[in-house]
Amino acid sequence: SWSCDDFYENTVSQTSSVTTDNSKLGALMFRGFFGVEWDFGTICRRADLNAKLGYEAQIWMNQLRIATFQLQRLHNDLTLQGLTLSAVFNF
């Protein structure tokens, strides 16, 4: 659910405001992971350990909603990326 409102006033007393209609929508997301994963299996028949290290990227389609005063597009893709390290211990 999105609702973007903003107000801008510059040094020469000119004002501008941006108001967008409320919208409710779903998001298409692409995710990629490149790296290594270790699965140490069962430890003492009661627990298992899993670890992974790599590079992950996510692209959320049409999710970056920032009101701008340069009359540019308000709807863009949001991208998250970086190094990922995770460890899971189940018992």
PDB file of N, CA and C in Angstrom:
ATOM      1  N   SER A   1       0.850  -1.175   0.000  1.00  0.00           N
ATOM      2  CA  SER A   1       0.000   0.000   0.000  1.00  0.00           C
ATOM      3  C   SER A   1       0.891   1.232   0.000  1.00  0.00           C
ATOM      4  N   TRP A   2       0.674   2.126  -0.932  1.00  0.00           N
ATOM      5  CA  TRP A   2       1.525   3.304  -1.099  1.00  0.00           C
ATOM      6  C   TRP A   2       0.716   4.586  -1.010  1.00  0.00           C
ATOM      7  N   SER A   3       1.279   5.588  -0.370  1.00  0.00           N
ATOM      8  CA  SER A   3       0.723   6.932  -0.355  1.00  0.00           C
ATOM      9  C   SER A   3       1.894   7.894  -0.199  1.00  0.00           C
ATOM     10  N   CYS A   4       2.175   8.687  -1.225  1.00  0.00           N
ATOM     11  CA  CYS A   4       3.321   9.599  -1.209  1.00  0.00           C
ATOM     12  C   CYS A   4       2.838  11.043  -1.248  1.00  0.00           C
ATOM     13  N   ASP A   5       3.238  11.821  -0.259  1.00  0.00           N
ATOM     14  CA  ASP A   5       2.940  13.250  -0.202  1.00  0.00           C
ATOM     15  C   ASP A   5       4.215  13.982   0.193  1.00  0.00           C
ATOM     16  N   ASP A   6       4.451  15.145  -0.417  1.00  0.00           N
ATOM     17  CA  ASP A   6       5.615  15.948  -0.055  1.00  0.00           C
ATOM     18  C   ASP A   6       5.342  17.404  -0.391  1.00  0.00           C
ATOM     19  N   PHE A   7       6.039  18.293   0.291  1.00  0.00           N
ATOM     20  CA  PHE A   7       5.890  19.725   0.100  1.00  0.00           C
ATOM     21  C   PHE A   7       7.277  20.338   0.060  1.00  0.00           C
ATOM     22  N   TYR A   8       7.511  21.264  -0.867  1.00  0.00           N
ATOM     23  CA  TYR A   8       8.826  21.866  -1.052  1.00  0.00           C
ATOM     24  C   TYR A   8       8.678  23.377  -1.181  1.00  0.00           C
ATOM     25  N   GLU A   9       9.558  24.095  -0.506  1.00  0.00           N
ATOM     26  CA  GLU A   9       9.592  25.553  -0.632  1.00  0.00           C
ATOM     27  C   GLU A   9      11.043  25.970  -0.779  1.00  0.00           C
ATOM     28  N   ASN A  10      11.345  26.791  -1.809  1.00  0.00           N
ATOM     29  CA  ASN A  10      12.731  27.206  -2.008  1.00  0.00           C
ATOM     30  C   ASN A  10      12.969  28.621  -1.469  1.00  0.00           C
ATOM     31  N   THR A  11      14.138  29.173  -1.705  1.00  0.00           N
ATOM     32  CA  THR A  11      14.532  30.458  -1.103  1.00  0.00           C
ATOM     33  C   THR A  11      13.810  31.659  -1.700  1.00  0.00           C
ATOM     34  N   VAL A  12      13.182  31.523  -2.853  1.00  0.00           N
ATOM     35  CA  VAL A  12      12.451  32.652  -3.441  1.00  0.00           C
ATOM     36  C   VAL A  12      10.947  32.505  -3.221  1.00  0.00           C
ATOM     37  N   SER A  13      10.591  31.782  -2.205  1.00  0.00           N
ATOM     38  CA  SER A  13       9.200  31.577  -1.779  1.00  0.00           C
ATOM     39  C   SER A  13       8.310  30.915  -2.825  1.00  0.00           C
ATOM     40  N   GLN A  14       8.877  30.112  -3.677  1.00  0.00           N
ATOM     41  CA  GLN A  14       8.073  29.301  -4.578  1.00  0.00           C
ATOM     42  C   GLN A  14       7.806  27.970  -3.886  1.00  0.00           C
ATOM     43  N   THR A  15       6.596  27.501  -3.978  1.00  0.00           N
ATOM     44  CA  THR A  15       6.252  26.233  -3.343  1.00  0.00           C
ATOM     45  C   THR A  15       5.793  25.229  -4.384  1.00  0.00           C
ATOM     46  N   SER A  16       5.956  23.981  -4.043  1.00  0.00           N
ATOM     47  CA  SER A  16       5.529  22.895  -4.911  1.00  0.00           C
ATOM     48  C   SER A  16       5.108  21.742  -4.017  1.00  0.00           C
ATOM     49  N   SER A  17       4.081  21.034  -4.419  1.00  0.00           N
ATOM     50  CA  SER A  17       3.659  19.877  -3.642  1.00  0.00           C
ATOM     51  C   SER A  17       3.397  18.707  -4.582  1.00  0.00           C
ATOM     52  N   VAL A  18       3.604  17.517  -4.049  1.00  0.00           N
ATOM     53  CA  VAL A  18       3.382  16.285  -4.802  1.00  0.00           C
ATOM     54  C   VAL A  18       2.466  15.404  -3.974  1.00  0.00           C
ATOM     55  N   THR A  19       1.377  14.966  -4.566  1.00  0.00           N
ATOM     56  CA  THR A  19       0.462  14.037  -3.912  1.00  0.00           C
ATOM     57  C   THR A  19       0.107  12.956  -4.916  1.00  0.00           C
ATOM     58  N   THR A  20       0.305  11.713  -4.524  1.00  0.00           N
ATOM     59  CA  THR A  20      -0.057  10.604  -5.401  1.00  0.00           C
ATOM     60  C   THR A  20      -1.256   9.871  -4.807  1.00  0.00           C
ATOM     61  N   ASP A  21      -2.017   9.254  -5.659  1.00  0.00           N
ATOM     62  CA  ASP A  21      -3.165   8.485  -5.202  1.00  0.00           C
ATOM     63  C   ASP A  21      -2.700   7.260  -4.432  1.00  0.00           C
ATOM     64  N   ASN A  22      -3.497   6.839  -3.468  1.00  0.00           N
ATOM     65  CA  ASN A  22      -3.200   5.601  -2.749  1.00  0.00           C
ATOM     66  C   ASN A  22      -3.278   4.433  -3.716  1.00  0.00           C
ATOM     67  N   SER A  23      -2.353   3.516  -3.598  1.00  0.00           N
ATOM     68  CA  SER A  23      -2.390   2.338  -4.460  1.00  0.00           C
ATOM     69  C   SER A  23      -2.047   1.103  -3.642  1.00  0.00           C
ATOM     70  N   LYS A  24      -2.729   0.028  -3.944  1.00  0.00           N
ATOM     71  CA  LYS A  24      -2.457  -1.260  -3.325  1.00  0.00           C
ATOM     72  C   LYS A  24      -2.118  -2.212  -4.457  1.00  0.00           C
ATOM     73  N   LEU A  25      -0.945  -2.826  -4.359  1.00  0.00           N
ATOM     74  CA  LEU A  25      -0.520  -3.680  -5.447  1.00  0.00           C
ATOM     75  C   LEU A  25       0.445  -4.743  -4.952  1.00  0.00           C
ATOM     76  N   GLY A  26       0.634  -5.772  -5.740  1.00  0.00           N
ATOM     77  CA  GLY A  26       1.612  -6.808  -5.461  1.00  0.00           C
ATOM     78  C   GLY A  26       2.931  -6.449  -6.115  1.00  0.00           C
ATOM     79  N   ALA A  27       3.966  -7.182  -5.767  1.00  0.00           N
ATOM     80  CA  ALA A  27       5.292  -6.879  -6.297  1.00  0.00           C
ATOM     81  C   ALA A  27       5.937  -8.137  -6.874  1.00  0.00           C
ATOM     82  N   LEU A  28       6.499  -7.982  -8.048  1.00  0.00           N
ATOM     83  CA  LEU A  28       7.286  -9.044  -8.656  1.00  0.00           C
ATOM     84  C   LEU A  28       8.730  -8.872  -8.189  1.00  0.00           C
ATOM     85  N   MET A  29       9.347  -9.961  -7.690  1.00  0.00           N
ATOM     86  CA  MET A  29      10.701  -9.881  -7.167  1.00  0.00           C
ATOM     87  C   MET A  29      11.554 -10.998  -7.759  1.00  0.00           C
ATOM     88  N   PHE A  30      12.762 -10.641  -8.211  1.00  0.00           N
ATOM     89  CA  PHE A  30      13.731 -11.617  -8.701  1.00  0.00           C
ATOM     90  C   PHE A  30      14.872 -11.676  -7.697  1.00  0.00           C
ATOM     91  N   ARG A  31      15.341 -12.890  -7.398  1.00  0.00           N
ATOM     92  CA  ARG A  31      16.422 -13.064  -6.441  1.00  0.00           C
ATOM     93  C   ARG A  31      17.446 -14.020  -7.018  1.00  0.00           C
ATOM     94  N   GLY A  32      18.724 -13.668  -6.839  1.00  0.00           N
ATOM     95  CA  GLY A  32      19.807 -14.538  -7.279  1.00  0.00           C
ATOM     96  C   GLY A  32      20.862 -14.659  -6.195  1.00  0.00           C
ATOM     97  N   PHE A  33      21.472 -15.847  -6.080  1.00  0.00           N
ATOM     98  CA  PHE A  33      22.526 -16.088  -5.097  1.00  0.00           C
ATOM     99  C   PHE A  33      23.629 -16.872  -5.771  1.00  0.00           C
ATOM    100  N   PHE A  34      24.863 -16.408  -5.594  1.00  0.00           N
ATOM    101  CA  PHE A  34      26.029 -17.110  -6.136  1.00  0.00           C
ATOM    102  C   PHE A  34      27.034 -17.262  -5.003  1.00  0.00           C
ATOM    103  N   GLY A  35      27.368 -18.499  -4.657  1.00  0.00           N
ATOM    104  CA  GLY A  35      28.303 -18.707  -3.562  1.00  0.00           C
ATOM    105  C   GLY A  35      28.434 -20.179  -3.222  1.00  0.00           C
ATOM    106  N   VAL A  36      28.840 -20.437  -1.982  1.00  0.00           N
ATOM    107  CA  VAL A  36      29.031 -21.802  -1.511  1.00  0.00           C
ATOM    108  C   VAL A  36      28.173 -22.052  -0.277  1.00  0.00           C
ATOM    109  N   GLU A  37      27.793 -23.314  -0.108  1.00  0.00           N
ATOM    110  CA  GLU A  37      26.991 -23.708   1.042  1.00  0.00           C
ATOM    111  C   GLU A  37      27.563 -24.991   1.623  1.00  0.00           C
ATOM    112  N   TRP A  38      27.671 -25.040   2.942  1.00  0.00           N
ATOM    113  CA  TRP A  38      28.155 -26.217   3.646  1.00  0.00           C
ATOM    114  C   TRP A  38      27.021 -26.783   4.485  1.00  0.00           C
ATOM    115  N   ASP A  39      26.815 -28.097   4.362  1.00  0.00           N
ATOM    116  CA  ASP A  39      25.837 -28.784   5.195  1.00  0.00           C
ATOM    117  C   ASP A  39      26.591 -29.863   5.960  1.00  0.00           C
ATOM    118  N   PHE A  40      26.740 -29.660   7.260  1.00  0.00           N
ATOM    119  CA  PHE A  40      27.537 -30.556   8.069  1.00  0.00           C
ATOM    120  C   PHE A  40      26.741 -31.766   8.553  1.00  0.00           C
ATOM    121  N   GLY A  41      25.493 -31.868   8.188  1.00  0.00           N
ATOM    122  CA  GLY A  41      24.683 -33.030   8.507  1.00  0.00           C
ATOM    123  C   GLY A  41      24.367 -33.144   9.982  1.00  0.00           C
ATOM    124  N   THR A  42      24.063 -34.348  10.386  1.00  0.00           N
ATOM    125  CA  THR A  42      23.648 -34.594  11.767  1.00  0.00           C
ATOM    126  C   THR A  42      24.872 -34.674  12.677  1.00  0.00           C
ATOM    127  N   ILE A  43      24.807 -33.941  13.784  1.00  0.00           N
ATOM    128  CA  ILE A  43      25.875 -33.943  14.786  1.00  0.00           C
ATOM    129  C   ILE A  43      25.328 -34.660  16.017  1.00  0.00           C
ATOM    130  N   CYS A  44      25.949 -35.758  16.397  1.00  0.00           N
ATOM    131  CA  CYS A  44      25.537 -36.551  17.570  1.00  0.00           C
ATOM    132  C   CYS A  44      24.070 -36.991  17.483  1.00  0.00           C
ATOM    133  N   ARG A  45      23.561 -37.188  16.288  1.00  0.00           N
ATOM    134  CA  ARG A  45      22.187 -37.657  16.041  1.00  0.00           C
ATOM    135  C   ARG A  45      21.096 -36.729  16.582  1.00  0.00           C
ATOM    136  N   ARG A  46      21.430 -35.507  16.947  1.00  0.00           N
ATOM    137  CA  ARG A  46      20.421 -34.607  17.516  1.00  0.00           C
ATOM    138  C   ARG A  46      20.367 -33.230  16.851  1.00  0.00           C
ATOM    139  N   ALA A  47      21.386 -32.845  16.175  1.00  0.00           N
ATOM    140  CA  ALA A  47      21.430 -31.489  15.626  1.00  0.00           C
ATOM    141  C   ALA A  47      22.112 -31.494  14.268  1.00  0.00           C
ATOM    142  N   ASP A  48      21.861 -30.486  13.484  1.00  0.00           N
ATOM    143  CA  ASP A  48      22.578 -30.316  12.221  1.00  0.00           C
ATOM    144  C   ASP A  48      22.966 -28.853  12.049  1.00  0.00           C
ATOM    145  N   LEU A  49      23.996 -28.632  11.259  1.00  0.00           N
ATOM    146  CA  LEU A  49      24.571 -27.304  11.051  1.00  0.00           C
ATOM    147  C   LEU A  49      24.665 -27.029   9.562  1.00  0.00           C
ATOM    148  N   ASN A  50      24.278 -25.829   9.161  1.00  0.00           N
ATOM    149  CA  ASN A  50      24.316 -25.408   7.764  1.00  0.00           C
ATOM    150  C   ASN A  50      24.868 -23.986   7.712  1.00  0.00           C
ATOM    151  N   ALA A  51      25.767 -23.710   6.766  1.00  0.00           N
ATOM    152  CA  ALA A  51      26.331 -22.365   6.605  1.00  0.00           C
ATOM    153  C   ALA A  51      26.461 -22.064   5.120  1.00  0.00           C
ATOM    154  N   LYS A  52      26.270 -20.777   4.761  1.00  0.00           N
ATOM    155  CA  LYS A  52      26.483 -20.385   3.371  1.00  0.00           C
ATOM    156  C   LYS A  52      27.071 -18.982   3.304  1.00  0.00           C
ATOM    157  N   LEU A  53      27.874 -18.772   2.269  1.00  0.00           N
ATOM    158  CA  LEU A  53      28.560 -17.505   2.039  1.00  0.00           C
ATOM    159  C   LEU A  53      28.502 -17.225   0.549  1.00  0.00           C
ATOM    160  N   GLY A  54      28.107 -16.006   0.181  1.00  0.00           N
ATOM    161  CA  GLY A  54      28.035 -15.686  -1.233  1.00  0.00           C
ATOM    162  C   GLY A  54      27.549 -14.269  -1.478  1.00  0.00           C
ATOM    163  N   TYR A  55      27.231 -14.007  -2.715  1.00  0.00           N
ATOM    164  CA  TYR A  55      26.752 -12.701  -3.164  1.00  0.00           C
ATOM    165  C   TYR A  55      25.285 -12.848  -3.552  1.00  0.00           C
ATOM    166  N   GLU A  56      24.447 -11.972  -3.024  1.00  0.00           N
ATOM    167  CA  GLU A  56      23.008 -12.050  -3.269  1.00  0.00           C
ATOM    168  C   GLU A  56      22.516 -10.749  -3.883  1.00  0.00           C
ATOM    169  N   ALA A  57      21.572 -10.848  -4.792  1.00  0.00           N
ATOM    170  CA  ALA A  57      20.956  -9.666  -5.399  1.00  0.00           C
ATOM    171  C   ALA A  57      19.446  -9.882  -5.474  1.00  0.00           C
ATOM    172  N   GLN A  58      18.698  -8.823  -5.183  1.00  0.00           N
ATOM    173  CA  GLN A  58      17.241  -8.849  -5.291  1.00  0.00           C
ATOM    174  C   GLN A  58      16.792  -7.628  -6.087  1.00  0.00           C
ATOM    175  N   ILE A  59      15.852  -7.826  -6.970  1.00  0.00           N
ATOM    176  CA  ILE A  59      15.262  -6.727  -7.741  1.00  0.00           C
ATOM    177  C   ILE A  59      13.757  -6.760  -7.490  1.00  0.00           C
ATOM    178  N   TRP A  60      13.243  -5.697  -6.884  1.00  0.00           N
ATOM    179  CA  TRP A  60      11.810  -5.548  -6.614  1.00  0.00           C
ATOM    180  C   TRP A  60      11.247  -4.614  -7.682  1.00  0.00           C
ATOM    181  N   MET A  61      10.412  -5.148  -8.535  1.00  0.00           N
ATOM    182  CA  MET A  61       9.887  -4.381  -9.666  1.00  0.00           C
ATOM    183  C   MET A  61       8.861  -3.343  -9.192  1.00  0.00           C
ATOM    184  N   ASN A  62       9.059  -2.091  -9.625  1.00  0.00           N
ATOM    185  CA  ASN A  62       8.108  -1.003  -9.405  1.00  0.00           C
ATOM    186  C   ASN A  62       7.854  -0.731  -7.915  1.00  0.00           C
ATOM    187  N   GLN A  63       8.903  -0.817  -7.068  1.00  0.00           N
ATOM    188  CA  GLN A  63       8.716  -0.642  -5.636  1.00  0.00           C
ATOM    189  C   GLN A  63       9.406   0.594  -5.066  1.00  0.00           C
ATOM    190  N   LEU A  64      10.231   1.285  -5.824  1.00  0.00           N
ATOM    191  CA  LEU A  64      10.882   2.491  -5.336  1.00  0.00           C
ATOM    192  C   LEU A  64       9.962   3.674  -5.621  1.00  0.00           C
ATOM    193  N   ARG A  65       9.310   4.178  -4.587  1.00  0.00           N
ATOM    194  CA  ARG A  65       8.339   5.256  -4.736  1.00  0.00           C
ATOM    195  C   ARG A  65       8.854   6.491  -4.004  1.00  0.00           C
ATOM    196  N   ILE A  66       9.497   7.387  -4.731  1.00  0.00           N
ATOM    197  CA  ILE A  66      10.022   8.622  -4.148  1.00  0.00           C
ATOM    198  C   ILE A  66       9.453   9.789  -4.944  1.00  0.00           C
ATOM    199  N   ALA A  67       8.827  10.715  -4.252  1.00  0.00           N
ATOM    200  CA  ALA A  67       8.291  11.900  -4.931  1.00  0.00           C
ATOM    201  C   ALA A  67       9.442  12.842  -5.253  1.00  0.00           C
ATOM    202  N   THR A  68       9.546  13.264  -6.516  1.00  0.00           N
ATOM    203  CA  THR A  68      10.607  14.189  -6.926  1.00  0.00           C
ATOM    204  C   THR A  68       9.988  15.438  -7.529  1.00  0.00           C
ATOM    205  N   PHE A  69      10.712  16.539  -7.429  1.00  0.00           N
ATOM    206  CA  PHE A  69      10.239  17.800  -7.975  1.00  0.00           C
ATOM    207  C   PHE A  69      10.846  18.114  -9.337  1.00  0.00           C
ATOM    208  N   GLN A  70      11.617  17.204  -9.888  1.00  0.00           N
ATOM    209  CA  GLN A  70      12.192  17.399 -11.221  1.00  0.00           C
ATOM    210  C   GLN A  70      11.316  16.760 -12.295  1.00  0.00           C
ATOM    211  N   LEU A  71      10.108  16.391 -11.950  1.00  0.00           N
ATOM    212  CA  LEU A  71       9.137  15.787 -12.864  1.00  0.00           C
ATOM    213  C   LEU A  71       9.665  14.509 -13.502  1.00  0.00           C
ATOM    214  N   GLN A  72      10.420  13.737 -12.732  1.00  0.00           N
ATOM    215  CA  GLN A  72      10.883  12.447 -13.201  1.00  0.00           C
ATOM    216  C   GLN A  72       9.877  11.378 -12.811  1.00  0.00           C
ATOM    217  N   ARG A  73      10.107  10.171 -13.262  1.00  0.00           N
ATOM    218  CA  ARG A  73       9.217   9.064 -12.925  1.00  0.00           C
ATOM    219  C   ARG A  73       9.201   8.833 -11.423  1.00  0.00           C
ATOM    220  N   LEU A  74       8.051   8.538 -10.879  1.00  0.00           N
ATOM    221  CA  LEU A  74       7.921   8.272  -9.452  1.00  0.00           C
ATOM    222  C   LEU A  74       7.996   6.783  -9.133  1.00  0.00           C
ATOM    223  N   HIS A  75       7.925   5.934 -10.121  1.00  0.00           N
ATOM    224  CA  HIS A  75       7.877   4.498  -9.905  1.00  0.00           C
ATOM    225  C   HIS A  75       9.100   3.872 -10.579  1.00  0.00           C
ATOM    226  N   ASN A  76      10.003   3.336  -9.793  1.00  0.00           N
ATOM    227  CA  ASN A  76      11.197   2.693 -10.317  1.00  0.00           C
ATOM    228  C   ASN A  76      11.405   1.367  -9.610  1.00  0.00           C
ATOM    229  N   ASP A  77      12.413   0.630 -10.061  1.00  0.00           N
ATOM    230  CA  ASP A  77      12.743  -0.649  -9.451  1.00  0.00           C
ATOM    231  C   ASP A  77      13.675  -0.429  -8.260  1.00  0.00           C
ATOM    232  N   LEU A  78      13.483  -1.221  -7.212  1.00  0.00           N
ATOM    233  CA  LEU A  78      14.325  -1.170  -6.027  1.00  0.00           C
ATOM    234  C   LEU A  78      15.266  -2.361  -6.083  1.00  0.00           C
ATOM    235  N   THR A  79      16.578  -2.115  -5.948  1.00  0.00           N
ATOM    236  CA  THR A  79      17.581  -3.161  -6.035  1.00  0.00           C
ATOM    237  C   THR A  79      18.368  -3.245  -4.734  1.00  0.00           C
ATOM    238  N   LEU A  80      18.478  -4.452  -4.195  1.00  0.00           N
ATOM    239  CA  LEU A  80      19.282  -4.723  -3.015  1.00  0.00           C
ATOM    240  C   LEU A  80      20.331  -5.757  -3.395  1.00  0.00           C
ATOM    241  N   GLN A  81      21.581  -5.530  -2.975  1.00  0.00           N
ATOM    242  CA  GLN A  81      22.628  -6.477  -3.326  1.00  0.00           C
ATOM    243  C   GLN A  81      23.762  -6.396  -2.320  1.00  0.00           C
ATOM    244  N   GLY A  82      24.513  -7.487  -2.199  1.00  0.00           N
ATOM    245  CA  GLY A  82      25.655  -7.486  -1.304  1.00  0.00           C
ATOM    246  C   GLY A  82      26.076  -8.878  -0.876  1.00  0.00           C
ATOM    247  N   LEU A  83      27.100  -8.912  -0.041  1.00  0.00           N
ATOM    248  CA  LEU A  83      27.651 -10.145   0.485  1.00  0.00           C
ATOM    249  C   LEU A  83      26.715 -10.712   1.553  1.00  0.00           C
ATOM    250  N   THR A  84      26.494 -12.014   1.509  1.00  0.00           N
ATOM    251  CA  THR A  84      25.588 -12.671   2.448  1.00  0.00           C
ATOM    252  C   THR A  84      26.323 -13.798   3.166  1.00  0.00           C
ATOM    253  N   LEU A  85      26.175 -13.816   4.497  1.00  0.00           N
ATOM    254  CA  LEU A  85      26.704 -14.898   5.318  1.00  0.00           C
ATOM    255  C   LEU A  85      25.585 -15.335   6.250  1.00  0.00           C
ATOM    256  N   SER A  86      25.292 -16.633   6.251  1.00  0.00           N
ATOM    257  CA  SER A  86      24.255 -17.135   7.151  1.00  0.00           C
ATOM    258  C   SER A  86      24.678 -18.479   7.726  1.00  0.00           C
ATOM    259  N   ALA A  87      24.232 -18.731   8.946  1.00  0.00           N
ATOM    260  CA  ALA A  87      24.488 -20.005   9.615  1.00  0.00           C
ATOM    261  C   ALA A  87      23.206 -20.440  10.308  1.00  0.00           C
ATOM    262  N   VAL A  88      22.882 -21.732  10.217  1.00  0.00           N
ATOM    263  CA  VAL A  88      21.683 -22.280  10.832  1.00  0.00           C
ATOM    264  C   VAL A  88      22.086 -23.496  11.665  1.00  0.00           C
ATOM    265  N   PHE A  89      21.654 -23.500  12.901  1.00  0.00           N
ATOM    266  CA  PHE A  89      21.897 -24.616  13.817  1.00  0.00           C
ATOM    267  C   PHE A  89      20.552 -25.128  14.306  1.00  0.00           C
ATOM    268  N   ASN A  90      20.195 -26.329  13.904  1.00  0.00           N
ATOM    269  CA  ASN A  90      18.930 -26.946  14.305  1.00  0.00           C
ATOM    270  C   ASN A  90      19.203 -28.036  15.328  1.00  0.00           C
ATOM    271  N   PHE A  91      18.407 -28.047  16.372  1.00  0.00           N
ATOM    272  CA  PHE A  91      18.559 -29.097  17.386  1.00  0.00           C
ATOM    273  C   PHE A  91      17.215 -29.601  17.828  1.00  0.00           C
TER     274      PHE A  91
END
